[in-house]
Amino acid sequence: AAVVMGVSIGSARTHYDRGKKRLRELLEESEDLYESEWERKVNRATV
């Protein structure tokens, strides 16, 4: 991947590790959003 991207192996590893961490955060944010939307549909009194 480092060769394809034209970067050093250390740089590729850093991009890979940071990417996994950030992707996990974004997916958790999406999951929280969906759970809150679902809760509002089940209990319409929820504000």
ModelCIF file with pLDDT and N, C-alpha, C, O atoms, coordinates in Angstrom:
data_MODEL
#
_entry.id   MODEL 
#
_entity.id                         1 
_entity.type                       polymer 
_entity.pdbx_number_of_molecules   1 
#
_entity_poly.entity_id                      1 
_entity_poly.type                           'polypeptide(L)' 
_entity_poly.nstd_linkage                   no 
_entity_poly.nstd_monomer                   no 
_entity_poly.pdbx_seq_one_letter_code       AAVVMGVSIGSARTHYDRGKKRLRELLEESEDLYESEWERKVNRATV 
_entity_poly.pdbx_seq_one_letter_code_can   AAVVMGVSIGSARTHYDRGKKRLRELLEESEDLYESEWERKVNRATV 
_entity_poly.pdbx_strand_id                 A 
#
loop_
_entity_poly_seq.entity_id 
_entity_poly_seq.num 
_entity_poly_seq.mon_id 
_entity_poly_seq.hetero 
1 1  ALA n 
1 2  ALA n 
1 3  VAL n 
1 4  VAL n 
1 5  MET n 
1 6  GLY n 
1 7  VAL n 
1 8  SER n 
1 9  ILE n 
1 10 GLY n 
1 11 SER n 
1 12 ALA n 
1 13 ARG n 
1 14 THR n 
1 15 HIS n 
1 16 TYR n 
1 17 ASP n 
1 18 ARG n 
1 19 GLY n 
1 20 LYS n 
1 21 LYS n 
1 22 ARG n 
1 23 LEU n 
1 24 ARG n 
1 25 GLU n 
1 26 LEU n 
1 27 LEU n 
1 28 GLU n 
1 29 GLU n 
1 30 SER n 
1 31 GLU n 
1 32 ASP n 
1 33 LEU n 
1 34 TYR n 
1 35 GLU n 
1 36 SER n 
1 37 GLU n 
1 38 TRP n 
1 39 GLU n 
1 40 ARG n 
1 41 LYS n 
1 42 VAL n 
1 43 ASN n 
1 44 ARG n 
1 45 ALA n 
1 46 THR n 
1 47 VAL n 
#
_struct_asym.id          A 
_struct_asym.entity_id   1 
#
loop_
_ma_qa_metric.id 
_ma_qa_metric.mode 
_ma_qa_metric.name 
_ma_qa_metric.software_group_id 
_ma_qa_metric.type 
1 global pLDDT . pLDDT 
2 local  pLDDT . pLDDT 
#
_ma_qa_metric_global.metric_id      1 
_ma_qa_metric_global.metric_value   76.83 
_ma_qa_metric_global.model_id       1 
_ma_qa_metric_global.ordinal_id     1 
#
loop_
_ma_qa_metric_local.label_asym_id 
_ma_qa_metric_local.label_comp_id 
_ma_qa_metric_local.label_seq_id 
_ma_qa_metric_local.metric_id 
_ma_qa_metric_local.metric_value 
_ma_qa_metric_local.model_id 
_ma_qa_metric_local.ordinal_id 
A ALA 1  2 91.00 1 1  
A ALA 2  2 92.00 1 2  
A VAL 3  2 92.00 1 3  
A VAL 4  2 91.00 1 4  
A MET 5  2 92.00 1 5  
A GLY 6  2 92.00 1 6  
A VAL 7  2 93.00 1 7  
A SER 8  2 94.00 1 8  
A ILE 9  2 93.00 1 9  
A GLY 10 2 94.00 1 10 
A SER 11 2 94.00 1 11 
A ALA 12 2 93.00 1 12 
A ARG 13 2 94.00 1 13 
A THR 14 2 95.00 1 14 
A HIS 15 2 95.00 1 15 
A TYR 16 2 93.00 1 16 
A ASP 17 2 94.00 1 17 
A ARG 18 2 95.00 1 18 
A GLY 19 2 93.00 1 19 
A LYS 20 2 91.00 1 20 
A LYS 21 2 93.00 1 21 
A ARG 22 2 92.00 1 22 
A LEU 23 2 89.00 1 23 
A ARG 24 2 88.00 1 24 
A GLU 25 2 89.00 1 25 
A LEU 26 2 87.00 1 26 
A LEU 27 2 84.00 1 27 
A GLU 28 2 83.00 1 28 
A GLU 29 2 82.00 1 29 
A SER 30 2 74.00 1 30 
A GLU 31 2 68.00 1 31 
A ASP 32 2 58.00 1 32 
A LEU 33 2 57.00 1 33 
A TYR 34 2 56.00 1 34 
A GLU 35 2 53.00 1 35 
A SER 36 2 48.00 1 36 
A GLU 37 2 50.00 1 37 
A TRP 38 2 48.00 1 38 
A GLU 39 2 51.00 1 39 
A ARG 40 2 47.00 1 40 
A LYS 41 2 51.00 1 41 
A VAL 42 2 50.00 1 42 
A ASN 43 2 52.00 1 43 
A ARG 44 2 52.00 1 44 
A ALA 45 2 52.00 1 45 
A THR 46 2 48.00 1 46 
A VAL 47 2 48.00 1 47 
#
loop_
_atom_site.group_PDB 
_atom_site.id 
_atom_site.type_symbol 
_atom_site.label_atom_id 
_atom_site.label_alt_id 
_atom_site.label_comp_id 
_atom_site.label_asym_id 
_atom_site.label_entity_id 
_atom_site.label_seq_id 
_atom_site.pdbx_PDB_ins_code 
_atom_site.Cartn_x 
_atom_site.Cartn_y 
_atom_site.Cartn_z 
_atom_site.occupancy 
_atom_site.B_iso_or_equiv 
_atom_site.pdbx_formal_charge 
_atom_site.auth_seq_id 
_atom_site.auth_comp_id 
_atom_site.auth_asym_id 
_atom_site.auth_atom_id 
_atom_site.pdbx_PDB_model_num 
ATOM 1   N N  . ALA A 1 1  ? 0.838   -1.202 0.000  1.00 91.00 ? 1  ALA A N  1 
ATOM 2   C CA . ALA A 1 1  ? 0.000   0.000  0.000  1.00 91.00 ? 1  ALA A CA 1 
ATOM 3   C C  . ALA A 1 1  ? 0.871   1.249  0.000  1.00 91.00 ? 1  ALA A C  1 
ATOM 4   O O  . ALA A 1 1  ? 0.542   2.232  -0.663 1.00 91.00 ? 1  ALA A O  1 
ATOM 5   N N  . ALA A 1 2  ? 1.971   1.221  0.732  1.00 92.00 ? 2  ALA A N  1 
ATOM 6   C CA . ALA A 1 2  ? 2.883   2.363  0.777  1.00 92.00 ? 2  ALA A CA 1 
ATOM 7   C C  . ALA A 1 2  ? 3.451   2.659  -0.613 1.00 92.00 ? 2  ALA A C  1 
ATOM 8   O O  . ALA A 1 2  ? 3.569   3.818  -1.012 1.00 92.00 ? 2  ALA A O  1 
ATOM 9   N N  . VAL A 1 3  ? 3.799   1.599  -1.343 1.00 92.00 ? 3  VAL A N  1 
ATOM 10  C CA . VAL A 1 3  ? 4.335   1.778  -2.695 1.00 92.00 ? 3  VAL A CA 1 
ATOM 11  C C  . VAL A 1 3  ? 3.272   2.388  -3.604 1.00 92.00 ? 3  VAL A C  1 
ATOM 12  O O  . VAL A 1 3  ? 3.553   3.325  -4.352 1.00 92.00 ? 3  VAL A O  1 
ATOM 13  N N  . VAL A 1 4  ? 2.050   1.856  -3.539 1.00 91.00 ? 4  VAL A N  1 
ATOM 14  C CA . VAL A 1 4  ? 0.961   2.380  -4.370 1.00 91.00 ? 4  VAL A CA 1 
ATOM 15  C C  . VAL A 1 4  ? 0.700   3.851  -4.051 1.00 91.00 ? 4  VAL A C  1 
ATOM 16  O O  . VAL A 1 4  ? 0.490   4.658  -4.956 1.00 91.00 ? 4  VAL A O  1 
ATOM 17  N N  . MET A 1 5  ? 0.715   4.196  -2.767 1.00 92.00 ? 5  MET A N  1 
ATOM 18  C CA . MET A 1 5  ? 0.423   5.557  -2.338 1.00 92.00 ? 5  MET A CA 1 
ATOM 19  C C  . MET A 1 5  ? 1.606   6.500  -2.537 1.00 92.00 ? 5  MET A C  1 
ATOM 20  O O  . MET A 1 5  ? 1.444   7.719  -2.491 1.00 92.00 ? 5  MET A O  1 
ATOM 21  N N  . GLY A 1 6  ? 2.787   5.943  -2.756 1.00 92.00 ? 6  GLY A N  1 
ATOM 22  C CA . GLY A 1 6  ? 3.975   6.771  -2.949 1.00 92.00 ? 6  GLY A CA 1 
ATOM 23  C C  . GLY A 1 6  ? 4.488   7.383  -1.658 1.00 92.00 ? 6  GLY A C  1 
ATOM 24  O O  . GLY A 1 6  ? 5.006   8.500  -1.662 1.00 92.00 ? 6  GLY A O  1 
ATOM 25  N N  . VAL A 1 7  ? 4.346   6.645  -0.531 1.00 93.00 ? 7  VAL A N  1 
ATOM 26  C CA . VAL A 1 7  ? 4.802   7.126  0.774  1.00 93.00 ? 7  VAL A CA 1 
ATOM 27  C C  . VAL A 1 7  ? 5.652   6.044  1.430  1.00 93.00 ? 7  VAL A C  1 
ATOM 28  O O  . VAL A 1 7  ? 5.721   4.918  0.938  1.00 93.00 ? 7  VAL A O  1 
ATOM 29  N N  . SER A 1 8  ? 6.299   6.388  2.541  1.00 94.00 ? 8  SER A N  1 
ATOM 30  C CA . SER A 1 8  ? 7.104   5.407  3.271  1.00 94.00 ? 8  SER A CA 1 
ATOM 31  C C  . SER A 1 8  ? 6.182   4.431  4.001  1.00 94.00 ? 8  SER A C  1 
ATOM 32  O O  . SER A 1 8  ? 4.996   4.706  4.187  1.00 94.00 ? 8  SER A O  1 
ATOM 33  N N  . ILE A 1 9  ? 6.732   3.298  4.410  1.00 93.00 ? 9  ILE A N  1 
ATOM 34  C CA . ILE A 1 9  ? 5.938   2.300  5.140  1.00 93.00 ? 9  ILE A CA 1 
ATOM 35  C C  . ILE A 1 9  ? 5.444   2.884  6.464  1.00 93.00 ? 9  ILE A C  1 
ATOM 36  O O  . ILE A 1 9  ? 4.324   2.598  6.889  1.00 93.00 ? 9  ILE A O  1 
ATOM 37  N N  . GLY A 1 10 ? 6.276   3.702  7.117  1.00 94.00 ? 10 GLY A N  1 
ATOM 38  C CA . GLY A 1 10 ? 5.862   4.336  8.374  1.00 94.00 ? 10 GLY A CA 1 
ATOM 39  C C  . GLY A 1 10 ? 4.687   5.274  8.173  1.00 94.00 ? 10 GLY A C  1 
ATOM 40  O O  . GLY A 1 10 ? 3.754   5.304  8.976  1.00 94.00 ? 10 GLY A O  1 
ATOM 41  N N  . SER A 1 11 ? 4.742   6.030  7.107  1.00 94.00 ? 11 SER A N  1 
ATOM 42  C CA . SER A 1 11 ? 3.647   6.944  6.794  1.00 94.00 ? 11 SER A CA 1 
ATOM 43  C C  . SER A 1 11 ? 2.377   6.161  6.464  1.00 94.00 ? 11 SER A C  1 
ATOM 44  O O  . SER A 1 11 ? 1.289   6.524  6.912  1.00 94.00 ? 11 SER A O  1 
ATOM 45  N N  . ALA A 1 12 ? 2.509   5.098  5.688  1.00 93.00 ? 12 ALA A N  1 
ATOM 46  C CA . ALA A 1 12 ? 1.343   4.261  5.355  1.00 93.00 ? 12 ALA A CA 1 
ATOM 47  C C  . ALA A 1 12 ? 0.738   3.663  6.620  1.00 93.00 ? 12 ALA A C  1 
ATOM 48  O O  . ALA A 1 12 ? -0.483  3.629  6.774  1.00 93.00 ? 12 ALA A O  1 
ATOM 49  N N  . ARG A 1 13 ? 1.590   3.195  7.520  1.00 94.00 ? 13 ARG A N  1 
ATOM 50  C CA . ARG A 1 13 ? 1.111   2.604  8.776  1.00 94.00 ? 13 ARG A CA 1 
ATOM 51  C C  . ARG A 1 13 ? 0.372   3.660  9.600  1.00 94.00 ? 13 ARG A C  1 
ATOM 52  O O  . ARG A 1 13 ? -0.666  3.369  10.193 1.00 94.00 ? 13 ARG A O  1 
ATOM 53  N N  . THR A 1 14 ? 0.902   4.876  9.636  1.00 95.00 ? 14 THR A N  1 
ATOM 54  C CA . THR A 1 14 ? 0.249   5.963  10.376 1.00 95.00 ? 14 THR A CA 1 
ATOM 55  C C  . THR A 1 14 ? -1.114  6.278  9.767  1.00 95.00 ? 14 THR A C  1 
ATOM 56  O O  . THR A 1 14 ? -2.102  6.398  10.491 1.00 95.00 ? 14 THR A O  1 
ATOM 57  N N  . HIS A 1 15 ? -1.176  6.411  8.447  1.00 95.00 ? 15 HIS A N  1 
ATOM 58  C CA . HIS A 1 15 ? -2.459  6.680  7.779  1.00 95.00 ? 15 HIS A CA 1 
ATOM 59  C C  . HIS A 1 15 ? -3.448  5.548  8.042  1.00 95.00 ? 15 HIS A C  1 
ATOM 60  O O  . HIS A 1 15 ? -4.631  5.797  8.275  1.00 95.00 ? 15 HIS A O  1 
ATOM 61  N N  . TYR A 1 16 ? -2.971  4.311  8.004  1.00 93.00 ? 16 TYR A N  1 
ATOM 62  C CA . TYR A 1 16 ? -3.805  3.140  8.224  1.00 93.00 ? 16 TYR A CA 1 
ATOM 63  C C  . TYR A 1 16 ? -4.364  3.142  9.651  1.00 93.00 ? 16 TYR A C  1 
ATOM 64  O O  . TYR A 1 16 ? -5.567  2.970  9.850  1.00 93.00 ? 16 TYR A O  1 
ATOM 65  N N  . ASP A 1 17 ? -3.492  3.336  10.635 1.00 94.00 ? 17 ASP A N  1 
ATOM 66  C CA . ASP A 1 17 ? -3.925  3.320  12.038 1.00 94.00 ? 17 ASP A CA 1 
ATOM 67  C C  . ASP A 1 17 ? -4.884  4.470  12.348 1.00 94.00 ? 17 ASP A C  1 
ATOM 68  O O  . ASP A 1 17 ? -5.911  4.272  12.997 1.00 94.00 ? 17 ASP A O  1 
ATOM 69  N N  . ARG A 1 18 ? -4.544  5.659  11.883 1.00 95.00 ? 18 ARG A N  1 
ATOM 70  C CA . ARG A 1 18 ? -5.424  6.807  12.120 1.00 95.00 ? 18 ARG A CA 1 
ATOM 71  C C  . ARG A 1 18 ? -6.749  6.641  11.380 1.00 95.00 ? 18 ARG A C  1 
ATOM 72  O O  . ARG A 1 18 ? -7.802  7.027  11.889 1.00 95.00 ? 18 ARG A O  1 
ATOM 73  N N  . GLY A 1 19 ? -6.697  6.072  10.191 1.00 93.00 ? 19 GLY A N  1 
ATOM 74  C CA . GLY A 1 19 ? -7.913  5.832  9.420  1.00 93.00 ? 19 GLY A CA 1 
ATOM 75  C C  . GLY A 1 19 ? -8.854  4.872  10.127 1.00 93.00 ? 19 GLY A C  1 
ATOM 76  O O  . GLY A 1 19 ? -10.060 5.109  10.192 1.00 93.00 ? 19 GLY A O  1 
ATOM 77  N N  . LYS A 1 20 ? -8.297  3.777  10.663 1.00 91.00 ? 20 LYS A N  1 
ATOM 78  C CA . LYS A 1 20 ? -9.133  2.812  11.395 1.00 91.00 ? 20 LYS A CA 1 
ATOM 79  C C  . LYS A 1 20 ? -9.782  3.470  12.611 1.00 91.00 ? 20 LYS A C  1 
ATOM 80  O O  . LYS A 1 20 ? -10.968 3.275  12.877 1.00 91.00 ? 20 LYS A O  1 
ATOM 81  N N  . LYS A 1 21 ? -8.991  4.249  13.341 1.00 93.00 ? 21 LYS A N  1 
ATOM 82  C CA . LYS A 1 21 ? -9.513  4.909  14.542 1.00 93.00 ? 21 LYS A CA 1 
ATOM 83  C C  . LYS A 1 21 ? -10.623 5.899  14.175 1.00 93.00 ? 21 LYS A C  1 
ATOM 84  O O  . LYS A 1 21 ? -11.682 5.904  14.803 1.00 93.00 ? 21 LYS A O  1 
ATOM 85  N N  . ARG A 1 22 ? -10.385 6.723  13.173 1.00 92.00 ? 22 ARG A N  1 
ATOM 86  C CA . ARG A 1 22 ? -11.381 7.725  12.776 1.00 92.00 ? 22 ARG A CA 1 
ATOM 87  C C  . ARG A 1 22 ? -12.627 7.072  12.186 1.00 92.00 ? 22 ARG A C  1 
ATOM 88  O O  . ARG A 1 22 ? -13.743 7.524  12.442 1.00 92.00 ? 22 ARG A O  1 
ATOM 89  N N  . LEU A 1 23 ? -12.447 6.013  11.400 1.00 89.00 ? 23 LEU A N  1 
ATOM 90  C CA . LEU A 1 23 ? -13.588 5.299  10.831 1.00 89.00 ? 23 LEU A CA 1 
ATOM 91  C C  . LEU A 1 23 ? -14.453 4.720  11.951 1.00 89.00 ? 23 LEU A C  1 
ATOM 92  O O  . LEU A 1 23 ? -15.680 4.793  11.890 1.00 89.00 ? 23 LEU A O  1 
ATOM 93  N N  . ARG A 1 24 ? -13.826 4.153  12.958 1.00 88.00 ? 24 ARG A N  1 
ATOM 94  C CA . ARG A 1 24 ? -14.562 3.619  14.105 1.00 88.00 ? 24 ARG A CA 1 
ATOM 95  C C  . ARG A 1 24 ? -15.377 4.734  14.769 1.00 88.00 ? 24 ARG A C  1 
ATOM 96  O O  . ARG A 1 24 ? -16.546 4.535  15.099 1.00 88.00 ? 24 ARG A O  1 
ATOM 97  N N  . GLU A 1 25 ? -14.757 5.914  14.968 1.00 89.00 ? 25 GLU A N  1 
ATOM 98  C CA . GLU A 1 25 ? -15.464 7.046  15.577 1.00 89.00 ? 25 GLU A CA 1 
ATOM 99  C C  . GLU A 1 25 ? -16.660 7.474  14.728 1.00 89.00 ? 25 GLU A C  1 
ATOM 100 O O  . GLU A 1 25 ? -17.748 7.708  15.255 1.00 89.00 ? 25 GLU A O  1 
ATOM 101 N N  . LEU A 1 26 ? -16.459 7.573  13.427 1.00 87.00 ? 26 LEU A N  1 
ATOM 102 C CA . LEU A 1 26 ? -17.550 7.993  12.538 1.00 87.00 ? 26 LEU A CA 1 
ATOM 103 C C  . LEU A 1 26 ? -18.691 6.984  12.547 1.00 87.00 ? 26 LEU A C  1 
ATOM 104 O O  . LEU A 1 26 ? -19.861 7.365  12.539 1.00 87.00 ? 26 LEU A O  1 
ATOM 105 N N  . LEU A 1 27 ? -18.350 5.697  12.563 1.00 84.00 ? 27 LEU A N  1 
ATOM 106 C CA . LEU A 1 27 ? -19.399 4.669  12.586 1.00 84.00 ? 27 LEU A CA 1 
ATOM 107 C C  . LEU A 1 27 ? -20.141 4.680  13.914 1.00 84.00 ? 27 LEU A C  1 
ATOM 108 O O  . LEU A 1 27 ? -21.350 4.454  13.946 1.00 84.00 ? 27 LEU A O  1 
ATOM 109 N N  . GLU A 1 28 ? -19.433 4.940  15.015 1.00 83.00 ? 28 GLU A N  1 
ATOM 110 C CA . GLU A 1 28 ? -20.105 5.030  16.315 1.00 83.00 ? 28 GLU A CA 1 
ATOM 111 C C  . GLU A 1 28 ? -21.041 6.238  16.350 1.00 83.00 ? 28 GLU A C  1 
ATOM 112 O O  . GLU A 1 28 ? -22.134 6.157  16.910 1.00 83.00 ? 28 GLU A O  1 
ATOM 113 N N  . GLU A 1 29 ? -20.619 7.360  15.752 1.00 82.00 ? 29 GLU A N  1 
ATOM 114 C CA . GLU A 1 29 ? -21.492 8.526  15.663 1.00 82.00 ? 29 GLU A CA 1 
ATOM 115 C C  . GLU A 1 29 ? -22.754 8.191  14.862 1.00 82.00 ? 29 GLU A C  1 
ATOM 116 O O  . GLU A 1 29 ? -23.857 8.583  15.244 1.00 82.00 ? 29 GLU A O  1 
ATOM 117 N N  . SER A 1 30 ? -22.590 7.474  13.764 1.00 74.00 ? 30 SER A N  1 
ATOM 118 C CA . SER A 1 30 ? -23.729 7.080  12.934 1.00 74.00 ? 30 SER A CA 1 
ATOM 119 C C  . SER A 1 30 ? -24.647 6.155  13.713 1.00 74.00 ? 30 SER A C  1 
ATOM 120 O O  . SER A 1 30 ? -25.869 6.281  13.635 1.00 74.00 ? 30 SER A O  1 
ATOM 121 N N  . GLU A 1 31 ? -24.064 5.223  14.465 1.00 68.00 ? 31 GLU A N  1 
ATOM 122 C CA . GLU A 1 31 ? -24.865 4.288  15.259 1.00 68.00 ? 31 GLU A CA 1 
ATOM 123 C C  . GLU A 1 31 ? -25.667 5.033  16.306 1.00 68.00 ? 31 GLU A C  1 
ATOM 124 O O  . GLU A 1 31 ? -26.846 4.736  16.502 1.00 68.00 ? 31 GLU A O  1 
ATOM 125 N N  . ASP A 1 32 ? -25.048 6.009  16.993 1.00 58.00 ? 32 ASP A N  1 
ATOM 126 C CA . ASP A 1 32 ? -25.766 6.803  17.985 1.00 58.00 ? 32 ASP A CA 1 
ATOM 127 C C  . ASP A 1 32 ? -26.915 7.560  17.339 1.00 58.00 ? 32 ASP A C  1 
ATOM 128 O O  . ASP A 1 32 ? -27.998 7.649  17.916 1.00 58.00 ? 32 ASP A O  1 
ATOM 129 N N  . LEU A 1 33 ? -26.694 8.110  16.142 1.00 57.00 ? 33 LEU A N  1 
ATOM 130 C CA . LEU A 1 33 ? -27.729 8.839  15.423 1.00 57.00 ? 33 LEU A CA 1 
ATOM 131 C C  . LEU A 1 33 ? -28.904 7.915  15.116 1.00 57.00 ? 33 LEU A C  1 
ATOM 132 O O  . LEU A 1 33 ? -30.057 8.289  15.333 1.00 57.00 ? 33 LEU A O  1 
ATOM 133 N N  . TYR A 1 34 ? -28.622 6.701  14.610 1.00 56.00 ? 34 TYR A N  1 
ATOM 134 C CA . TYR A 1 34 ? -29.697 5.778  14.270 1.00 56.00 ? 34 TYR A CA 1 
ATOM 135 C C  . TYR A 1 34 ? -30.449 5.319  15.517 1.00 56.00 ? 34 TYR A C  1 
ATOM 136 O O  . TYR A 1 34 ? -31.673 5.193  15.489 1.00 56.00 ? 34 TYR A O  1 
ATOM 137 N N  . GLU A 1 35 ? -29.728 5.070  16.606 1.00 53.00 ? 35 GLU A N  1 
ATOM 138 C CA . GLU A 1 35 ? -30.412 4.644  17.824 1.00 53.00 ? 35 GLU A CA 1 
ATOM 139 C C  . GLU A 1 35 ? -31.339 5.735  18.332 1.00 53.00 ? 35 GLU A C  1 
ATOM 140 O O  . GLU A 1 35 ? -32.454 5.445  18.766 1.00 53.00 ? 35 GLU A O  1 
ATOM 141 N N  . SER A 1 36 ? -30.893 6.991  18.283 1.00 48.00 ? 36 SER A N  1 
ATOM 142 C CA . SER A 1 36 ? -31.739 8.078  18.772 1.00 48.00 ? 36 SER A CA 1 
ATOM 143 C C  . SER A 1 36 ? -32.955 8.259  17.866 1.00 48.00 ? 36 SER A C  1 
ATOM 144 O O  . SER A 1 36 ? -34.041 8.543  18.370 1.00 48.00 ? 36 SER A O  1 
ATOM 145 N N  . GLU A 1 37 ? -32.813 8.105  16.550 1.00 50.00 ? 37 GLU A N  1 
ATOM 146 C CA . GLU A 1 37 ? -33.954 8.207  15.643 1.00 50.00 ? 37 GLU A CA 1 
ATOM 147 C C  . GLU A 1 37 ? -34.940 7.078  15.904 1.00 50.00 ? 37 GLU A C  1 
ATOM 148 O O  . GLU A 1 37 ? -36.152 7.297  15.885 1.00 50.00 ? 37 GLU A O  1 
ATOM 149 N N  . TRP A 1 38 ? -34.432 5.869  16.147 1.00 48.00 ? 38 TRP A N  1 
ATOM 150 C CA . TRP A 1 38 ? -35.293 4.732  16.411 1.00 48.00 ? 38 TRP A CA 1 
ATOM 151 C C  . TRP A 1 38 ? -36.064 4.934  17.702 1.00 48.00 ? 38 TRP A C  1 
ATOM 152 O O  . TRP A 1 38 ? -37.258 4.640  17.764 1.00 48.00 ? 38 TRP A O  1 
ATOM 153 N N  . GLU A 1 39 ? -35.386 5.442  18.749 1.00 51.00 ? 39 GLU A N  1 
ATOM 154 C CA . GLU A 1 39 ? -36.058 5.675  20.024 1.00 51.00 ? 39 GLU A CA 1 
ATOM 155 C C  . GLU A 1 39 ? -37.189 6.674  19.865 1.00 51.00 ? 39 GLU A C  1 
ATOM 156 O O  . GLU A 1 39 ? -38.247 6.498  20.471 1.00 51.00 ? 39 GLU A O  1 
ATOM 157 N N  . ARG A 1 40 ? -36.999 7.715  19.071 1.00 47.00 ? 40 ARG A N  1 
ATOM 158 C CA . ARG A 1 40 ? -38.059 8.711  18.862 1.00 47.00 ? 40 ARG A CA 1 
ATOM 159 C C  . ARG A 1 40 ? -39.245 8.091  18.142 1.00 47.00 ? 40 ARG A C  1 
ATOM 160 O O  . ARG A 1 40 ? -40.387 8.456  18.421 1.00 47.00 ? 40 ARG A O  1 
ATOM 161 N N  . LYS A 1 41 ? -39.004 7.155  17.217 1.00 51.00 ? 41 LYS A N  1 
ATOM 162 C CA . LYS A 1 41 ? -40.097 6.524  16.487 1.00 51.00 ? 41 LYS A CA 1 
ATOM 163 C C  . LYS A 1 41 ? -40.889 5.594  17.407 1.00 51.00 ? 41 LYS A C  1 
ATOM 164 O O  . LYS A 1 41 ? -42.113 5.513  17.314 1.00 51.00 ? 41 LYS A O  1 
ATOM 165 N N  . VAL A 1 42 ? -40.172 4.887  18.304 1.00 50.00 ? 42 VAL A N  1 
ATOM 166 C CA . VAL A 1 42 ? -40.845 3.967  19.219 1.00 50.00 ? 42 VAL A CA 1 
ATOM 167 C C  . VAL A 1 42 ? -41.612 4.739  20.275 1.00 50.00 ? 42 VAL A C  1 
ATOM 168 O O  . VAL A 1 42 ? -42.755 4.400  20.582 1.00 50.00 ? 42 VAL A O  1 
ATOM 169 N N  . ASN A 1 43 ? -40.999 5.776  20.838 1.00 52.00 ? 43 ASN A N  1 
ATOM 170 C CA . ASN A 1 43 ? -41.635 6.561  21.875 1.00 52.00 ? 43 ASN A CA 1 
ATOM 171 C C  . ASN A 1 43 ? -41.708 8.006  21.392 1.00 52.00 ? 43 ASN A C  1 
ATOM 172 O O  . ASN A 1 43 ? -40.780 8.785  21.607 1.00 52.00 ? 43 ASN A O  1 
ATOM 173 N N  . ARG A 1 44 ? -42.778 8.348  20.762 1.00 52.00 ? 44 ARG A N  1 
ATOM 174 C CA . ARG A 1 44 ? -42.924 9.664  20.151 1.00 52.00 ? 44 ARG A CA 1 
ATOM 175 C C  . ARG A 1 44 ? -42.931 10.800 21.184 1.00 52.00 ? 44 ARG A C  1 
ATOM 176 O O  . ARG A 1 44 ? -42.760 11.966 20.826 1.00 52.00 ? 44 ARG A O  1 
ATOM 177 N N  . ALA A 1 45 ? -43.127 10.461 22.460 1.00 52.00 ? 45 ALA A N  1 
ATOM 178 C CA . ALA A 1 45 ? -43.130 11.488 23.505 1.00 52.00 ? 45 ALA A CA 1 
ATOM 179 C C  . ALA A 1 45 ? -41.713 11.910 23.871 1.00 52.00 ? 45 ALA A C  1 
ATOM 180 O O  . ALA A 1 45 ? -41.520 12.913 24.558 1.00 52.00 ? 45 ALA A O  1 
ATOM 181 N N  . THR A 1 46 ? -40.721 11.150 23.417 1.00 48.00 ? 46 THR A N  1 
ATOM 182 C CA . THR A 1 46 ? -39.331 11.461 23.732 1.00 48.00 ? 46 THR A CA 1 
ATOM 183 C C  . THR A 1 46 ? -38.928 12.766 23.058 1.00 48.00 ? 46 THR A C  1 
ATOM 184 O O  . THR A 1 46 ? -39.124 12.956 21.858 1.00 48.00 ? 46 THR A O  1 
ATOM 185 N N  . VAL A 1 47 ? -38.358 13.661 23.865 1.00 48.00 ? 47 VAL A N  1 
ATOM 186 C CA . VAL A 1 47 ? -37.888 14.929 23.328 1.00 48.00 ? 47 VAL A CA 1 
ATOM 187 C C  . VAL A 1 47 ? -36.376 14.958 23.439 1.00 48.00 ? 47 VAL A C  1 
ATOM 188 O O  . VAL A 1 47 ? -35.747 15.940 23.045 1.00 48.00 ? 47 VAL A O  1 
#
